[in-house]
Amino acid sequence: MSLGYNNSAELGFDEITIGRIGGDGPTTKNQTITGISTDDFYMGSFGLNPRSTNFTSGDSIPSCMQHLVNQSLIPSTSWAYTAGNQYRK
């Protein structure tokens, strides 16, 4: 599906800490990040796909989820989402 946008993106690698600034959340290094240059929208996202990234025919880069598993910070790459608020009557 095309949204009609035509913008450039820069890809790179960086260290990511999950949580608030200055917090003690888990940190993963060498994570794939993307920066999009546009005034059309403001959005951030955090990928939960457990598959690795490969930009060339060389080695794949493990996903953030796989890094967290490899560091024993989470038990698996499985996850779930509950829409709405479960505490509402």
PDB file of N, CA and C in Angstrom:
ATOM      1  N   MET A   1       0.847  -1.174   0.000  1.00  0.00           N
ATOM      2  CA  MET A   1       0.000   0.000   0.000  1.00  0.00           C
ATOM      3  C   MET A   1       0.888   1.230   0.000  1.00  0.00           C
ATOM      4  N   SER A   2       0.664   2.130  -0.906  1.00  0.00           N
ATOM      5  CA  SER A   2       1.437   3.358  -0.993  1.00  0.00           C
ATOM      6  C   SER A   2       0.676   4.492  -0.314  1.00  0.00           C
ATOM      7  N   LEU A   3       1.376   5.244   0.514  1.00  0.00           N
ATOM      8  CA  LEU A   3       0.762   6.381   1.194  1.00  0.00           C
ATOM      9  C   LEU A   3       1.000   7.689   0.448  1.00  0.00           C
ATOM     10  N   GLY A   4       1.729   7.622  -0.684  1.00  0.00           N
ATOM     11  CA  GLY A   4       1.945   8.816  -1.483  1.00  0.00           C
ATOM     12  C   GLY A   4       3.104   9.684  -1.037  1.00  0.00           C
ATOM     13  N   TYR A   5       3.931   9.210  -0.118  1.00  0.00           N
ATOM     14  CA  TYR A   5       5.096   9.963   0.337  1.00  0.00           C
ATOM     15  C   TYR A   5       6.322   9.535  -0.456  1.00  0.00           C
ATOM     16  N   ASN A   6       7.240  10.462  -0.690  1.00  0.00           N
ATOM     17  CA  ASN A   6       8.467  10.159  -1.401  1.00  0.00           C
ATOM     18  C   ASN A   6       9.602  10.882  -0.678  1.00  0.00           C
ATOM     19  N   ASN A   7      10.185  10.225   0.313  1.00  0.00           N
ATOM     20  CA  ASN A   7      11.206  10.844   1.155  1.00  0.00           C
ATOM     21  C   ASN A   7      12.442   9.967   1.237  1.00  0.00           C
ATOM     22  N   SER A   8      13.537  10.579   1.654  1.00  0.00           N
ATOM     23  CA  SER A   8      14.790   9.858   1.810  1.00  0.00           C
ATOM     24  C   SER A   8      14.931   9.354   3.241  1.00  0.00           C
ATOM     25  N   ALA A   9      15.739   8.323   3.394  1.00  0.00           N
ATOM     26  CA  ALA A   9      16.011   7.781   4.725  1.00  0.00           C
ATOM     27  C   ALA A   9      17.488   7.451   4.839  1.00  0.00           C
ATOM     28  N   GLU A  10      18.011   7.606   6.029  1.00  0.00           N
ATOM     29  CA  GLU A  10      19.386   7.222   6.336  1.00  0.00           C
ATOM     30  C   GLU A  10      19.318   6.029   7.281  1.00  0.00           C
ATOM     31  N   LEU A  11      20.125   5.023   7.010  1.00  0.00           N
ATOM     32  CA  LEU A  11      20.186   3.853   7.866  1.00  0.00           C
ATOM     33  C   LEU A  11      21.549   3.776   8.517  1.00  0.00           C
ATOM     34  N   GLY A  12      21.577   3.259   9.726  1.00  0.00           N
ATOM     35  CA  GLY A  12      22.840   3.115  10.430  1.00  0.00           C
ATOM     36  C   GLY A  12      22.683   2.181  11.610  1.00  0.00           C
ATOM     37  N   PHE A  13      23.695   2.193  12.465  1.00  0.00           N
ATOM     38  CA  PHE A  13      23.703   1.348  13.657  1.00  0.00           C
ATOM     39  C   PHE A  13      23.953   2.223  14.870  1.00  0.00           C
ATOM     40  N   ASP A  14      23.316   1.888  15.987  1.00  0.00           N
ATOM     41  CA  ASP A  14      23.491   2.661  17.213  1.00  0.00           C
ATOM     42  C   ASP A  14      23.178   1.775  18.412  1.00  0.00           C
ATOM     43  N   GLU A  15      23.471   2.295  19.589  1.00  0.00           N
ATOM     44  CA  GLU A  15      23.151   1.635  20.851  1.00  0.00           C
ATOM     45  C   GLU A  15      21.776   2.110  21.285  1.00  0.00           C
ATOM     46  N   ILE A  16      20.908   1.184  21.654  1.00  0.00           N
ATOM     47  CA  ILE A  16      19.544   1.510  22.062  1.00  0.00           C
ATOM     48  C   ILE A  16      19.326   1.071  23.498  1.00  0.00           C
ATOM     49  N   THR A  17      18.783   1.975  24.311  1.00  0.00           N
ATOM     50  CA  THR A  17      18.374   1.639  25.672  1.00  0.00           C
ATOM     51  C   THR A  17      16.866   1.756  25.739  1.00  0.00           C
ATOM     52  N   ILE A  18      16.215   0.722  26.218  1.00  0.00           N
ATOM     53  CA  ILE A  18      14.762   0.709  26.309  1.00  0.00           C
ATOM     54  C   ILE A  18      14.358   1.314  27.648  1.00  0.00           C
ATOM     55  N   GLY A  19      13.461   2.299  27.598  1.00  0.00           N
ATOM     56  CA  GLY A  19      13.011   2.967  28.807  1.00  0.00           C
ATOM     57  C   GLY A  19      13.293   4.447  28.744  1.00  0.00           C
ATOM     58  N   ARG A  20      13.194   5.092  29.871  1.00  0.00           N
ATOM     59  CA  ARG A  20      13.373   6.542  29.917  1.00  0.00           C
ATOM     60  C   ARG A  20      14.855   6.909  29.974  1.00  0.00           C
ATOM     61  N   ILE A  21      15.153   8.148  29.619  1.00  0.00           N
ATOM     62  CA  ILE A  21      16.525   8.641  29.658  1.00  0.00           C
ATOM     63  C   ILE A  21      17.032   8.597  31.094  1.00  0.00           C
ATOM     64  N   GLY A  22      18.198   8.032  31.283  1.00  0.00           N
ATOM     65  CA  GLY A  22      18.778   7.931  32.614  1.00  0.00           C
ATOM     66  C   GLY A  22      18.270   6.737  33.402  1.00  0.00           C
ATOM     67  N   GLY A  23      17.344   5.989  32.826  1.00  0.00           N
ATOM     68  CA  GLY A  23      16.809   4.812  33.507  1.00  0.00           C
ATOM     69  C   GLY A  23      17.779   3.647  33.398  1.00  0.00           C
ATOM     70  N   ASP A  24      17.389   2.539  33.972  1.00  0.00           N
ATOM     71  CA  ASP A  24      18.266   1.374  33.955  1.00  0.00           C
ATOM     72  C   ASP A  24      17.692   0.255  33.083  1.00  0.00           C
ATOM     73  N   GLY A  25      17.043   0.655  31.975  1.00  0.00           N
ATOM     74  CA  GLY A  25      16.467  -0.327  31.058  1.00  0.00           C
ATOM     75  C   GLY A  25      17.542  -1.105  30.320  1.00  0.00           C
ATOM     76  N   PRO A  26      17.168  -2.193  29.681  1.00  0.00           N
ATOM     77  CA  PRO A  26      18.140  -3.001  28.943  1.00  0.00           C
ATOM     78  C   PRO A  26      18.716  -2.236  27.757  1.00  0.00           C
ATOM     79  N   THR A  27      19.998  -2.464  27.480  1.00  0.00           N
ATOM     80  CA  THR A  27      20.699  -1.799  26.390  1.00  0.00           C
ATOM     81  C   THR A  27      21.190  -2.837  25.394  1.00  0.00           C
ATOM     82  N   THR A  28      21.003  -2.545  24.109  1.00  0.00           N
ATOM     83  CA  THR A  28      21.532  -3.401  23.052  1.00  0.00           C
ATOM     84  C   THR A  28      22.383  -2.546  22.125  1.00  0.00           C
ATOM     85  N   LYS A  29      23.510  -3.090  21.701  1.00  0.00           N
ATOM     86  CA  LYS A  29      24.433  -2.366  20.834  1.00  0.00           C
ATOM     87  C   LYS A  29      24.298  -2.851  19.401  1.00  0.00           C
ATOM     88  N   ASN A  30      24.784  -2.033  18.472  1.00  0.00           N
ATOM     89  CA  ASN A  30      24.813  -2.369  17.054  1.00  0.00           C
ATOM     90  C   ASN A  30      23.421  -2.656  16.498  1.00  0.00           C
ATOM     91  N   GLN A  31      22.440  -1.830  16.892  1.00  0.00           N
ATOM     92  CA  GLN A  31      21.075  -1.992  16.407  1.00  0.00           C
ATOM     93  C   GLN A  31      20.842  -1.164  15.150  1.00  0.00           C
ATOM     94  N   THR A  32      20.077  -1.705  14.225  1.00  0.00           N
ATOM     95  CA  THR A  32      19.735  -0.997  12.995  1.00  0.00           C
ATOM     96  C   THR A  32      18.742   0.110  13.322  1.00  0.00           C
ATOM     97  N   ILE A  33      19.049   1.336  12.889  1.00  0.00           N
ATOM     98  CA  ILE A  33      18.142   2.463  13.089  1.00  0.00           C
ATOM     99  C   ILE A  33      17.932   3.162  11.745  1.00  0.00           C
ATOM    100  N   THR A  34      16.834   3.878  11.622  1.00  0.00           N
ATOM    101  CA  THR A  34      16.507   4.608  10.402  1.00  0.00           C
ATOM    102  C   THR A  34      16.063   6.010  10.767  1.00  0.00           C
ATOM    103  N   GLY A  35      16.548   6.994  10.025  1.00  0.00           N
ATOM    104  CA  GLY A  35      16.099   8.368  10.168  1.00  0.00           C
ATOM    105  C   GLY A  35      15.456   8.809   8.867  1.00  0.00           C
ATOM    106  N   ILE A  36      14.241   9.348   8.943  1.00  0.00           N
ATOM    107  CA  ILE A  36      13.515   9.802   7.758  1.00  0.00           C
ATOM    108  C   ILE A  36      13.405  11.312   7.818  1.00  0.00           C
ATOM    109  N   SER A  37      13.781  11.964   6.742  1.00  0.00           N
ATOM    110  CA  SER A  37      13.755  13.420   6.682  1.00  0.00           C
ATOM    111  C   SER A  37      12.476  13.882   5.997  1.00  0.00           C
ATOM    112  N   THR A  38      11.521  14.363   6.785  1.00  0.00           N
ATOM    113  CA  THR A  38      10.255  14.850   6.227  1.00  0.00           C
ATOM    114  C   THR A  38       9.550  15.742   7.232  1.00  0.00           C
ATOM    115  N   ASP A  39       8.719  16.632   6.720  1.00  0.00           N
ATOM    116  CA  ASP A  39       7.837  17.440   7.561  1.00  0.00           C
ATOM    117  C   ASP A  39       6.396  16.937   7.451  1.00  0.00           C
ATOM    118  N   ASP A  40       6.187  15.857   6.680  1.00  0.00           N
ATOM    119  CA  ASP A  40       4.846  15.338   6.431  1.00  0.00           C
ATOM    120  C   ASP A  40       4.230  14.662   7.649  1.00  0.00           C
ATOM    121  N   PHE A  41       5.052  14.066   8.494  1.00  0.00           N
ATOM    122  CA  PHE A  41       4.528  13.364   9.661  1.00  0.00           C
ATOM    123  C   PHE A  41       5.620  13.252  10.711  1.00  0.00           C
ATOM    124  N   TYR A  42       5.215  13.038  11.936  1.00  0.00           N
ATOM    125  CA  TYR A  42       6.127  12.828  13.052  1.00  0.00           C
ATOM    126  C   TYR A  42       5.755  11.501  13.690  1.00  0.00           C
ATOM    127  N   MET A  43       6.669  10.549  13.629  1.00  0.00           N
ATOM    128  CA  MET A  43       6.336   9.234  14.129  1.00  0.00           C
ATOM    129  C   MET A  43       7.607   8.522  14.564  1.00  0.00           C
ATOM    130  N   GLY A  44       7.488   7.762  15.606  1.00  0.00           N
ATOM    131  CA  GLY A  44       8.569   6.902  16.028  1.00  0.00           C
ATOM    132  C   GLY A  44       8.034   5.498  16.154  1.00  0.00           C
ATOM    133  N   SER A  45       8.883   4.543  15.985  1.00  0.00           N
ATOM    134  CA  SER A  45       8.434   3.162  16.134  1.00  0.00           C
ATOM    135  C   SER A  45       9.571   2.313  16.677  1.00  0.00           C
ATOM    136  N   PHE A  46       9.195   1.216  17.263  1.00  0.00           N
ATOM    137  CA  PHE A  46      10.150   0.262  17.802  1.00  0.00           C
ATOM    138  C   PHE A  46       9.784  -1.096  17.228  1.00  0.00           C
ATOM    139  N   GLY A  47      10.664  -1.633  16.399  1.00  0.00           N
ATOM    140  CA  GLY A  47      10.373  -2.892  15.722  1.00  0.00           C
ATOM    141  C   GLY A  47      10.403  -4.084  16.659  1.00  0.00           C
ATOM    142  N   LEU A  48       9.398  -4.929  16.560  1.00  0.00           N
ATOM    143  CA  LEU A  48       9.310  -6.137  17.375  1.00  0.00           C
ATOM    144  C   LEU A  48       9.526  -7.395  16.554  1.00  0.00           C
ATOM    145  N   ASN A  49       9.911  -7.237  15.307  1.00  0.00           N
ATOM    146  CA  ASN A  49      10.149  -8.393  14.446  1.00  0.00           C
ATOM    147  C   ASN A  49      11.382  -9.139  14.935  1.00  0.00           C
ATOM    148  N   PRO A  50      11.288 -10.442  15.180  1.00  0.00           N
ATOM    149  CA  PRO A  50      12.445 -11.188  15.682  1.00  0.00           C
ATOM    150  C   PRO A  50      13.471 -11.555  14.608  1.00  0.00           C
ATOM    151  N   ARG A  51      13.156 -11.306  13.335  1.00  0.00           N
ATOM    152  CA  ARG A  51      14.077 -11.677  12.259  1.00  0.00           C
ATOM    153  C   ARG A  51      15.237 -10.695  12.148  1.00  0.00           C
ATOM    154  N   SER A  52      16.365 -11.189  11.703  1.00  0.00           N
ATOM    155  CA  SER A  52      17.558 -10.359  11.550  1.00  0.00           C
ATOM    156  C   SER A  52      17.464  -9.503  10.294  1.00  0.00           C
ATOM    157  N   THR A  53      18.358  -8.501  10.207  1.00  0.00           N
ATOM    158  CA  THR A  53      18.421  -7.592   9.072  1.00  0.00           C
ATOM    159  C   THR A  53      19.669  -7.893   8.270  1.00  0.00           C
ATOM    160  N   ASN A  54      19.548  -7.817   6.956  1.00  0.00           N
ATOM    161  CA  ASN A  54      20.700  -8.037   6.090  1.00  0.00           C
ATOM    162  C   ASN A  54      20.631  -7.037   4.949  1.00  0.00           C
ATOM    163  N   PHE A  55      21.579  -6.074   4.916  1.00  0.00           N
ATOM    164  CA  PHE A  55      21.608  -5.065   3.863  1.00  0.00           C
ATOM    165  C   PHE A  55      22.501  -5.475   2.704  1.00  0.00           C
ATOM    166  N   THR A  56      23.309  -6.492   2.888  1.00  0.00           N
ATOM    167  CA  THR A  56      24.229  -6.972   1.860  1.00  0.00           C
ATOM    168  C   THR A  56      24.162  -8.491   1.822  1.00  0.00           C
ATOM    169  N   SER A  57      25.062  -9.093   1.114  1.00  0.00           N
ATOM    170  CA  SER A  57      25.111 -10.551   1.111  1.00  0.00           C
ATOM    171  C   SER A  57      25.985 -11.079   2.247  1.00  0.00           C
ATOM    172  N   GLY A  58      26.440 -10.185   3.117  1.00  0.00           N
ATOM    173  CA  GLY A  58      27.286 -10.577   4.247  1.00  0.00           C
ATOM    174  C   GLY A  58      26.483 -11.055   5.436  1.00  0.00           C
ATOM    175  N   ASP A  59      27.042 -10.881   6.611  1.00  0.00           N
ATOM    176  CA  ASP A  59      26.403 -11.342   7.844  1.00  0.00           C
ATOM    177  C   ASP A  59      25.137 -10.556   8.149  1.00  0.00           C
ATOM    178  N   SER A  60      24.162 -11.234   8.730  1.00  0.00           N
ATOM    179  CA  SER A  60      22.924 -10.595   9.172  1.00  0.00           C
ATOM    180  C   SER A  60      23.133  -9.963  10.539  1.00  0.00           C
ATOM    181  N   ILE A  61      22.383  -8.911  10.816  1.00  0.00           N
ATOM    182  CA  ILE A  61      22.411  -8.236  12.116  1.00  0.00           C
ATOM    183  C   ILE A  61      21.201  -8.721  12.904  1.00  0.00           C
ATOM    184  N   PRO A  62      21.403  -9.325  14.086  1.00  0.00           N
ATOM    185  CA  PRO A  62      20.258  -9.785  14.887  1.00  0.00           C
ATOM    186  C   PRO A  62      19.339  -8.624  15.263  1.00  0.00           C
ATOM    187  N   SER A  63      18.059  -8.912  15.354  1.00  0.00           N
ATOM    188  CA  SER A  63      17.072  -7.900  15.749  1.00  0.00           C
ATOM    189  C   SER A  63      17.273  -7.503  17.205  1.00  0.00           C
ATOM    190  N   CYS A  64      16.638  -6.413  17.587  1.00  0.00           N
ATOM    191  CA  CYS A  64      16.703  -5.976  18.988  1.00  0.00           C
ATOM    192  C   CYS A  64      16.133  -7.053  19.904  1.00  0.00           C
ATOM    193  N   MET A  65      15.042  -7.684  19.479  1.00  0.00           N
ATOM    194  CA  MET A  65      14.443  -8.752  20.279  1.00  0.00           C
ATOM    195  C   MET A  65      15.437  -9.900  20.473  1.00  0.00           C
ATOM    196  N   GLN A  66      16.144 -10.285  19.400  1.00  0.00           N
ATOM    197  CA  GLN A  66      17.106 -11.376  19.508  1.00  0.00           C
ATOM    198  C   GLN A  66      18.282 -10.979  20.396  1.00  0.00           C
ATOM    199  N   HIS A  67      18.726  -9.720  20.320  1.00  0.00           N
ATOM    200  CA  HIS A  67      19.795  -9.240  21.207  1.00  0.00           C
ATOM    201  C   HIS A  67      19.369  -9.376  22.675  1.00  0.00           C
ATOM    202  N   LEU A  68      18.122  -9.012  22.970  1.00  0.00           N
ATOM    203  CA  LEU A  68      17.635  -9.102  24.351  1.00  0.00           C
ATOM    204  C   LEU A  68      17.589 -10.548  24.829  1.00  0.00           C
ATOM    205  N   VAL A  69      17.213 -11.472  23.949  1.00  0.00           N
ATOM    206  CA  VAL A  69      17.220 -12.901  24.297  1.00  0.00           C
ATOM    207  C   VAL A  69      18.654 -13.366  24.520  1.00  0.00           C
ATOM    208  N   ASN A  70      19.564 -12.981  23.607  1.00  0.00           N
ATOM    209  CA  ASN A  70      20.966 -13.398  23.719  1.00  0.00           C
ATOM    210  C   ASN A  70      21.623 -12.922  25.009  1.00  0.00           C
ATOM    211  N   GLN A  71      21.171 -11.772  25.536  1.00  0.00           N
ATOM    212  CA  GLN A  71      21.703 -11.239  26.783  1.00  0.00           C
ATOM    213  C   GLN A  71      20.923 -11.740  28.000  1.00  0.00           C
ATOM    214  N   SER A  72      19.976 -12.646  27.787  1.00  0.00           N
ATOM    215  CA  SER A  72      19.115 -13.200  28.845  1.00  0.00           C
ATOM    216  C   SER A  72      18.319 -12.122  29.570  1.00  0.00           C
ATOM    217  N   LEU A  73      17.931 -11.074  28.836  1.00  0.00           N
ATOM    218  CA  LEU A  73      17.121 -10.012  29.422  1.00  0.00           C
ATOM    219  C   LEU A  73      15.629 -10.265  29.242  1.00  0.00           C
ATOM    220  N   ILE A  74      15.280 -11.078  28.240  1.00  0.00           N
ATOM    221  CA  ILE A  74      13.907 -11.544  28.036  1.00  0.00           C
ATOM    222  C   ILE A  74      13.979 -13.032  27.701  1.00  0.00           C
ATOM    223  N   PRO A  75      12.915 -13.804  27.996  1.00  0.00           N
ATOM    224  CA  PRO A  75      12.982 -15.253  27.807  1.00  0.00           C
ATOM    225  C   PRO A  75      12.880 -15.717  26.353  1.00  0.00           C
ATOM    226  N   SER A  76      12.201 -14.966  25.477  1.00  0.00           N
ATOM    227  CA  SER A  76      12.038 -15.399  24.088  1.00  0.00           C
ATOM    228  C   SER A  76      11.699 -14.196  23.221  1.00  0.00           C
ATOM    229  N   THR A  77      11.616 -14.423  21.901  1.00  0.00           N
ATOM    230  CA  THR A  77      11.248 -13.351  20.982  1.00  0.00           C
ATOM    231  C   THR A  77       9.739 -13.271  20.769  1.00  0.00           C
ATOM    232  N   SER A  78       8.982 -14.076  21.477  1.00  0.00           N
ATOM    233  CA  SER A  78       7.525 -14.034  21.379  1.00  0.00           C
ATOM    234  C   SER A  78       6.990 -12.825  22.126  1.00  0.00           C
ATOM    235  N   TRP A  79       5.891 -12.261  21.634  1.00  0.00           N
ATOM    236  CA  TRP A  79       5.266 -11.127  22.299  1.00  0.00           C
ATOM    237  C   TRP A  79       3.786 -11.111  21.967  1.00  0.00           C
ATOM    238  N   ALA A  80       3.031 -10.334  22.714  1.00  0.00           N
ATOM    239  CA  ALA A  80       1.589 -10.224  22.496  1.00  0.00           C
ATOM    240  C   ALA A  80       1.158  -8.786  22.736  1.00  0.00           C
ATOM    241  N   TYR A  81      -0.004  -8.442  22.231  1.00  0.00           N
ATOM    242  CA  TYR A  81      -0.546  -7.095  22.366  1.00  0.00           C
ATOM    243  C   TYR A  81      -2.013  -7.196  22.744  1.00  0.00           C
ATOM    244  N   THR A  82      -2.430  -6.429  23.729  1.00  0.00           N
ATOM    245  CA  THR A  82      -3.826  -6.368  24.120  1.00  0.00           C
ATOM    246  C   THR A  82      -4.344  -4.977  23.794  1.00  0.00           C
ATOM    247  N   ALA A  83      -5.320  -4.883  22.909  1.00  0.00           N
ATOM    248  CA  ALA A  83      -5.905  -3.594  22.525  1.00  0.00           C
ATOM    249  C   ALA A  83      -6.893  -3.160  23.599  1.00  0.00           C
ATOM    250  N   GLY A  84      -6.908  -1.873  23.884  1.00  0.00           N
ATOM    251  CA  GLY A  84      -7.841  -1.353  24.870  1.00  0.00           C
ATOM    252  C   GLY A  84      -7.304  -1.503  26.281  1.00  0.00           C
ATOM    253  N   ASN A  85      -8.120  -1.140  27.233  1.00  0.00           N
ATOM    254  CA  ASN A  85      -7.691  -1.243  28.623  1.00  0.00           C
ATOM    255  C   ASN A  85      -8.458  -2.375  29.318  1.00  0.00           C
ATOM    256  N   GLN A  86      -7.722  -3.335  29.797  1.00  0.00           N
ATOM    257  CA  GLN A  86      -8.313  -4.523  30.389  1.00  0.00           C
ATOM    258  C   GLN A  86      -8.943  -4.262  31.762  1.00  0.00           C
ATOM    259  N   TYR A  87      -8.664  -3.109  32.346  1.00  0.00           N
ATOM    260  CA  TYR A  87      -9.189  -2.809  33.676  1.00  0.00           C
ATOM    261  C   TYR A  87     -10.526  -2.082  33.623  1.00  0.00           C
ATOM    262  N   ARG A  88     -11.006  -1.728  32.452  1.00  0.00           N
ATOM    263  CA  ARG A  88     -12.265  -0.997  32.317  1.00  0.00           C
ATOM    264  C   ARG A  88     -13.445  -1.940  32.522  1.00  0.00           C
ATOM    265  N   LYS A  89     -14.471  -1.456  33.232  1.00  0.00           N
ATOM    266  CA  LYS A  89     -15.657  -2.286  33.489  1.00  0.00           C
ATOM    267  C   LYS A  89     -16.589  -2.318  32.307  1.00  0.00           C
TER     268      LYS A  89
END
